[in-house]
Amino acid sequence: MTSNGKLTSSQAQSQPQANPDKDLDNLPKKDDDPDGLKLLGCPDPLEQASRVLQPLTTLAVDSVDVWIAVYDVAIRRSPFLSIYDSS
């Protein structure tokens, strides 16, 4: 590279050329559940949310958003809330 940021002719020739067939592999895959009905059909969504959040508690220890989500799921899973709902 020259001092002005441009490639010299030998450097330009040594860089690989883009393969036009490679772009065909990067097409977005068809969504088999566009409305999210499979996701809503989960038998225990709070348990699934708890499993998703578990690794985040060790990976993003300093993230307040993660801990708020963990608290939200934990309080919703709590059996003590069912006592207040029955009245």
N, C-alpha and C. Protein backbone atom coordinates (compact mmCIF):
# COMPACT_ATOMS: atom_id res chain seq x y z
N MET A 1 0.85 -1.15 0.00
CA MET A 1 0.00 0.00 0.00
C MET A 1 0.90 1.23 0.00
N THR A 2 0.53 2.20 -0.77
CA THR A 2 1.32 3.42 -0.84
C THR A 2 0.92 4.35 0.30
N SER A 3 1.65 5.45 0.44
CA SER A 3 1.39 6.38 1.54
C SER A 3 0.02 7.06 1.42
N ASN A 4 -0.55 7.11 0.23
CA ASN A 4 -1.86 7.74 0.07
C ASN A 4 -3.01 6.74 0.25
N GLY A 5 -2.71 5.49 0.61
CA GLY A 5 -3.74 4.52 0.91
C GLY A 5 -4.19 3.68 -0.26
N LYS A 6 -3.58 3.81 -1.41
CA LYS A 6 -3.99 3.04 -2.58
C LYS A 6 -3.09 1.82 -2.73
N LEU A 7 -3.64 0.77 -3.33
CA LEU A 7 -2.87 -0.45 -3.57
C LEU A 7 -2.00 -0.29 -4.80
N THR A 8 -0.82 -0.88 -4.75
CA THR A 8 0.02 -0.90 -5.95
C THR A 8 -0.52 -1.98 -6.88
N SER A 9 -0.07 -1.99 -8.11
CA SER A 9 -0.58 -2.96 -9.08
C SER A 9 -0.24 -4.39 -8.68
N SER A 10 0.91 -4.64 -8.08
CA SER A 10 1.26 -6.00 -7.67
C SER A 10 0.41 -6.45 -6.49
N GLN A 11 0.05 -5.53 -5.58
CA GLN A 11 -0.79 -5.88 -4.46
C GLN A 11 -2.23 -6.13 -4.92
N ALA A 12 -2.69 -5.38 -5.87
CA ALA A 12 -4.04 -5.55 -6.39
C ALA A 12 -4.19 -6.89 -7.09
N GLN A 13 -3.13 -7.34 -7.78
CA GLN A 13 -3.19 -8.61 -8.48
C GLN A 13 -3.12 -9.78 -7.52
N SER A 14 -2.47 -9.61 -6.38
CA SER A 14 -2.31 -10.71 -5.45
C SER A 14 -3.56 -10.95 -4.60
N GLN A 15 -4.47 -10.00 -4.53
CA GLN A 15 -5.69 -10.19 -3.75
C GLN A 15 -6.65 -11.08 -4.52
N PRO A 16 -7.34 -11.96 -3.83
CA PRO A 16 -8.26 -12.89 -4.51
C PRO A 16 -9.44 -12.15 -5.13
N GLN A 17 -9.88 -12.65 -6.24
CA GLN A 17 -11.03 -12.09 -6.93
C GLN A 17 -12.31 -12.64 -6.32
N ALA A 18 -13.36 -11.85 -6.33
CA ALA A 18 -14.64 -12.28 -5.77
C ALA A 18 -15.27 -13.32 -6.68
N ASN A 19 -15.79 -14.37 -6.09
CA ASN A 19 -16.43 -15.44 -6.83
C ASN A 19 -17.92 -15.11 -6.97
N PRO A 20 -18.43 -14.99 -8.20
CA PRO A 20 -19.84 -14.62 -8.35
C PRO A 20 -20.78 -15.71 -7.84
N ASP A 21 -20.37 -16.98 -7.80
CA ASP A 21 -21.21 -18.05 -7.30
C ASP A 21 -21.30 -18.03 -5.77
N LYS A 22 -20.36 -17.38 -5.12
CA LYS A 22 -20.35 -17.32 -3.66
C LYS A 22 -21.52 -16.50 -3.14
N ASP A 23 -21.97 -15.54 -3.90
CA ASP A 23 -23.10 -14.72 -3.49
C ASP A 23 -24.40 -15.52 -3.42
N LEU A 24 -24.49 -16.58 -4.19
CA LEU A 24 -25.69 -17.41 -4.19
C LEU A 24 -25.82 -18.19 -2.88
N ASP A 25 -24.69 -18.49 -2.23
CA ASP A 25 -24.72 -19.22 -0.97
C ASP A 25 -25.19 -18.34 0.18
N ASN A 26 -25.07 -17.04 0.06
CA ASN A 26 -25.41 -16.12 1.13
C ASN A 26 -26.87 -15.65 1.09
N LEU A 27 -27.70 -16.29 0.29
CA LEU A 27 -29.10 -15.91 0.24
C LEU A 27 -29.77 -16.24 1.56
N PRO A 28 -30.70 -15.41 2.00
CA PRO A 28 -31.38 -15.71 3.27
C PRO A 28 -32.20 -16.99 3.15
N LYS A 29 -32.20 -17.76 4.23
CA LYS A 29 -32.96 -19.01 4.24
C LYS A 29 -34.43 -18.71 4.47
N LYS A 30 -35.29 -19.58 3.93
CA LYS A 30 -36.72 -19.40 4.06
C LYS A 30 -37.13 -19.65 5.51
N ASP A 31 -37.94 -18.77 6.05
CA ASP A 31 -38.43 -18.90 7.42
C ASP A 31 -39.61 -19.87 7.42
N ASP A 32 -39.44 -21.01 8.11
CA ASP A 32 -40.51 -22.00 8.12
C ASP A 32 -41.61 -21.68 9.14
N ASP A 33 -41.40 -20.66 9.97
CA ASP A 33 -42.41 -20.23 10.94
C ASP A 33 -42.48 -18.70 10.96
N PRO A 34 -42.98 -18.07 9.88
CA PRO A 34 -42.96 -16.60 9.80
C PRO A 34 -43.85 -15.92 10.84
N ASP A 35 -44.90 -16.58 11.30
CA ASP A 35 -45.80 -15.97 12.27
C ASP A 35 -45.39 -16.27 13.72
N GLY A 36 -44.43 -17.15 13.93
CA GLY A 36 -43.96 -17.48 15.27
C GLY A 36 -44.89 -18.40 16.04
N LEU A 37 -45.70 -19.18 15.34
CA LEU A 37 -46.64 -20.06 16.02
C LEU A 37 -45.94 -21.21 16.73
N LYS A 38 -44.84 -21.68 16.18
CA LYS A 38 -44.07 -22.74 16.85
C LYS A 38 -43.47 -22.21 18.15
N LEU A 39 -43.01 -20.99 18.11
CA LEU A 39 -42.43 -20.38 19.30
C LEU A 39 -43.49 -20.18 20.39
N LEU A 40 -44.68 -19.79 19.98
CA LEU A 40 -45.76 -19.60 20.95
C LEU A 40 -46.30 -20.91 21.48
N GLY A 41 -46.07 -22.00 20.77
CA GLY A 41 -46.57 -23.29 21.18
C GLY A 41 -45.70 -23.98 22.23
N CYS A 42 -44.74 -23.30 22.76
CA CYS A 42 -43.85 -23.86 23.78
C CYS A 42 -44.67 -24.19 25.03
N PRO A 43 -44.50 -25.40 25.60
CA PRO A 43 -45.30 -25.75 26.77
C PRO A 43 -44.96 -24.94 28.01
N ASP A 44 -43.71 -24.55 28.19
CA ASP A 44 -43.32 -23.76 29.36
C ASP A 44 -42.36 -22.65 28.92
N PRO A 45 -42.89 -21.50 28.50
CA PRO A 45 -42.03 -20.44 27.98
C PRO A 45 -41.12 -19.83 29.05
N LEU A 46 -41.55 -19.81 30.30
CA LEU A 46 -40.69 -19.25 31.35
C LEU A 46 -39.48 -20.15 31.61
N GLU A 47 -39.67 -21.45 31.51
CA GLU A 47 -38.55 -22.38 31.67
C GLU A 47 -37.55 -22.19 30.52
N GLN A 48 -38.08 -22.04 29.31
CA GLN A 48 -37.21 -21.81 28.16
C GLN A 48 -36.47 -20.48 28.29
N ALA A 49 -37.14 -19.45 28.76
CA ALA A 49 -36.49 -18.16 28.95
C ALA A 49 -35.40 -18.25 30.01
N SER A 50 -35.65 -19.03 31.04
CA SER A 50 -34.66 -19.23 32.09
C SER A 50 -33.42 -19.93 31.54
N ARG A 51 -33.62 -20.93 30.68
CA ARG A 51 -32.48 -21.63 30.08
C ARG A 51 -31.69 -20.73 29.13
N VAL A 52 -32.36 -19.82 28.44
CA VAL A 52 -31.67 -18.90 27.53
C VAL A 52 -30.87 -17.87 28.34
N LEU A 53 -31.41 -17.43 29.44
CA LEU A 53 -30.75 -16.41 30.24
C LEU A 53 -29.60 -16.94 31.10
N GLN A 54 -29.59 -18.23 31.38
CA GLN A 54 -28.57 -18.80 32.25
C GLN A 54 -27.14 -18.52 31.76
N PRO A 55 -26.80 -18.77 30.49
CA PRO A 55 -25.42 -18.46 30.05
C PRO A 55 -25.11 -16.97 30.07
N LEU A 56 -26.13 -16.14 29.90
CA LEU A 56 -25.88 -14.70 29.90
C LEU A 56 -25.46 -14.19 31.26
N THR A 57 -25.86 -14.89 32.32
CA THR A 57 -25.47 -14.45 33.66
C THR A 57 -23.98 -14.59 33.89
N THR A 58 -23.33 -15.49 33.17
CA THR A 58 -21.88 -15.63 33.32
C THR A 58 -21.12 -14.86 32.25
N LEU A 59 -21.74 -14.66 31.09
CA LEU A 59 -21.05 -13.97 30.00
C LEU A 59 -21.19 -12.45 30.09
N ALA A 60 -22.31 -11.97 30.58
CA ALA A 60 -22.55 -10.52 30.65
C ALA A 60 -22.84 -10.14 32.09
N VAL A 61 -21.86 -10.33 32.95
CA VAL A 61 -22.04 -10.11 34.38
C VAL A 61 -22.35 -8.64 34.68
N ASP A 62 -21.77 -7.73 33.94
CA ASP A 62 -21.93 -6.31 34.21
C ASP A 62 -23.15 -5.68 33.53
N SER A 63 -23.91 -6.47 32.78
CA SER A 63 -25.05 -5.92 32.05
C SER A 63 -26.28 -5.86 32.95
N VAL A 64 -26.77 -4.67 33.17
CA VAL A 64 -27.96 -4.49 34.00
C VAL A 64 -29.18 -5.08 33.30
N ASP A 65 -29.24 -4.98 31.98
CA ASP A 65 -30.38 -5.50 31.23
C ASP A 65 -30.54 -7.01 31.42
N VAL A 66 -29.42 -7.72 31.46
CA VAL A 66 -29.48 -9.17 31.67
C VAL A 66 -30.05 -9.48 33.04
N TRP A 67 -29.60 -8.78 34.06
CA TRP A 67 -30.06 -9.06 35.41
C TRP A 67 -31.52 -8.65 35.60
N ILE A 68 -31.96 -7.63 34.90
CA ILE A 68 -33.38 -7.26 34.97
C ILE A 68 -34.23 -8.36 34.33
N ALA A 69 -33.77 -8.90 33.21
CA ALA A 69 -34.49 -9.99 32.55
C ALA A 69 -34.50 -11.24 33.42
N VAL A 70 -33.37 -11.55 34.06
CA VAL A 70 -33.30 -12.71 34.95
C VAL A 70 -34.28 -12.53 36.11
N TYR A 71 -34.31 -11.35 36.69
CA TYR A 71 -35.24 -11.07 37.78
C TYR A 71 -36.68 -11.21 37.31
N ASP A 72 -36.99 -10.66 36.15
CA ASP A 72 -38.35 -10.69 35.62
C ASP A 72 -38.82 -12.13 35.43
N VAL A 73 -37.97 -12.97 34.85
CA VAL A 73 -38.34 -14.37 34.63
C VAL A 73 -38.46 -15.09 35.97
N ALA A 74 -37.54 -14.83 36.89
CA ALA A 74 -37.57 -15.51 38.18
C ALA A 74 -38.81 -15.15 38.98
N ILE A 75 -39.20 -13.90 38.95
CA ILE A 75 -40.37 -13.49 39.72
C ILE A 75 -41.65 -14.04 39.10
N ARG A 76 -41.67 -14.20 37.81
CA ARG A 76 -42.84 -14.77 37.14
C ARG A 76 -42.93 -16.28 37.36
N ARG A 77 -41.79 -16.94 37.56
CA ARG A 77 -41.78 -18.39 37.81
C ARG A 77 -42.07 -18.70 39.27
N SER A 78 -42.05 -17.71 40.11
CA SER A 78 -42.20 -17.92 41.55
C SER A 78 -43.57 -18.49 41.88
N PRO A 79 -43.63 -19.52 42.72
CA PRO A 79 -44.93 -20.08 43.10
C PRO A 79 -45.71 -19.16 44.03
N PHE A 80 -45.06 -18.18 44.64
CA PHE A 80 -45.74 -17.28 45.55
C PHE A 80 -46.71 -16.35 44.82
N LEU A 81 -46.48 -16.11 43.54
CA LEU A 81 -47.41 -15.26 42.79
C LEU A 81 -48.76 -15.92 42.61
N SER A 82 -48.78 -17.23 42.55
CA SER A 82 -50.06 -17.92 42.37
C SER A 82 -50.97 -17.75 43.59
N ILE A 83 -50.39 -17.51 44.76
CA ILE A 83 -51.19 -17.26 45.96
C ILE A 83 -51.99 -15.98 45.81
N TYR A 84 -51.37 -14.95 45.24
CA TYR A 84 -52.04 -13.67 45.08
C TYR A 84 -53.04 -13.69 43.94
N ASP A 85 -52.83 -14.54 42.95
CA ASP A 85 -53.75 -14.62 41.81
C ASP A 85 -55.05 -15.33 42.18
N SER A 86 -55.05 -16.16 43.19
CA SER A 86 -56.22 -16.96 43.51
C SER A 86 -57.32 -16.17 44.23
N SER A 87 -57.01 -14.96 44.70
CA SER A 87 -58.04 -14.22 45.43
C SER A 87 -59.04 -13.54 44.54
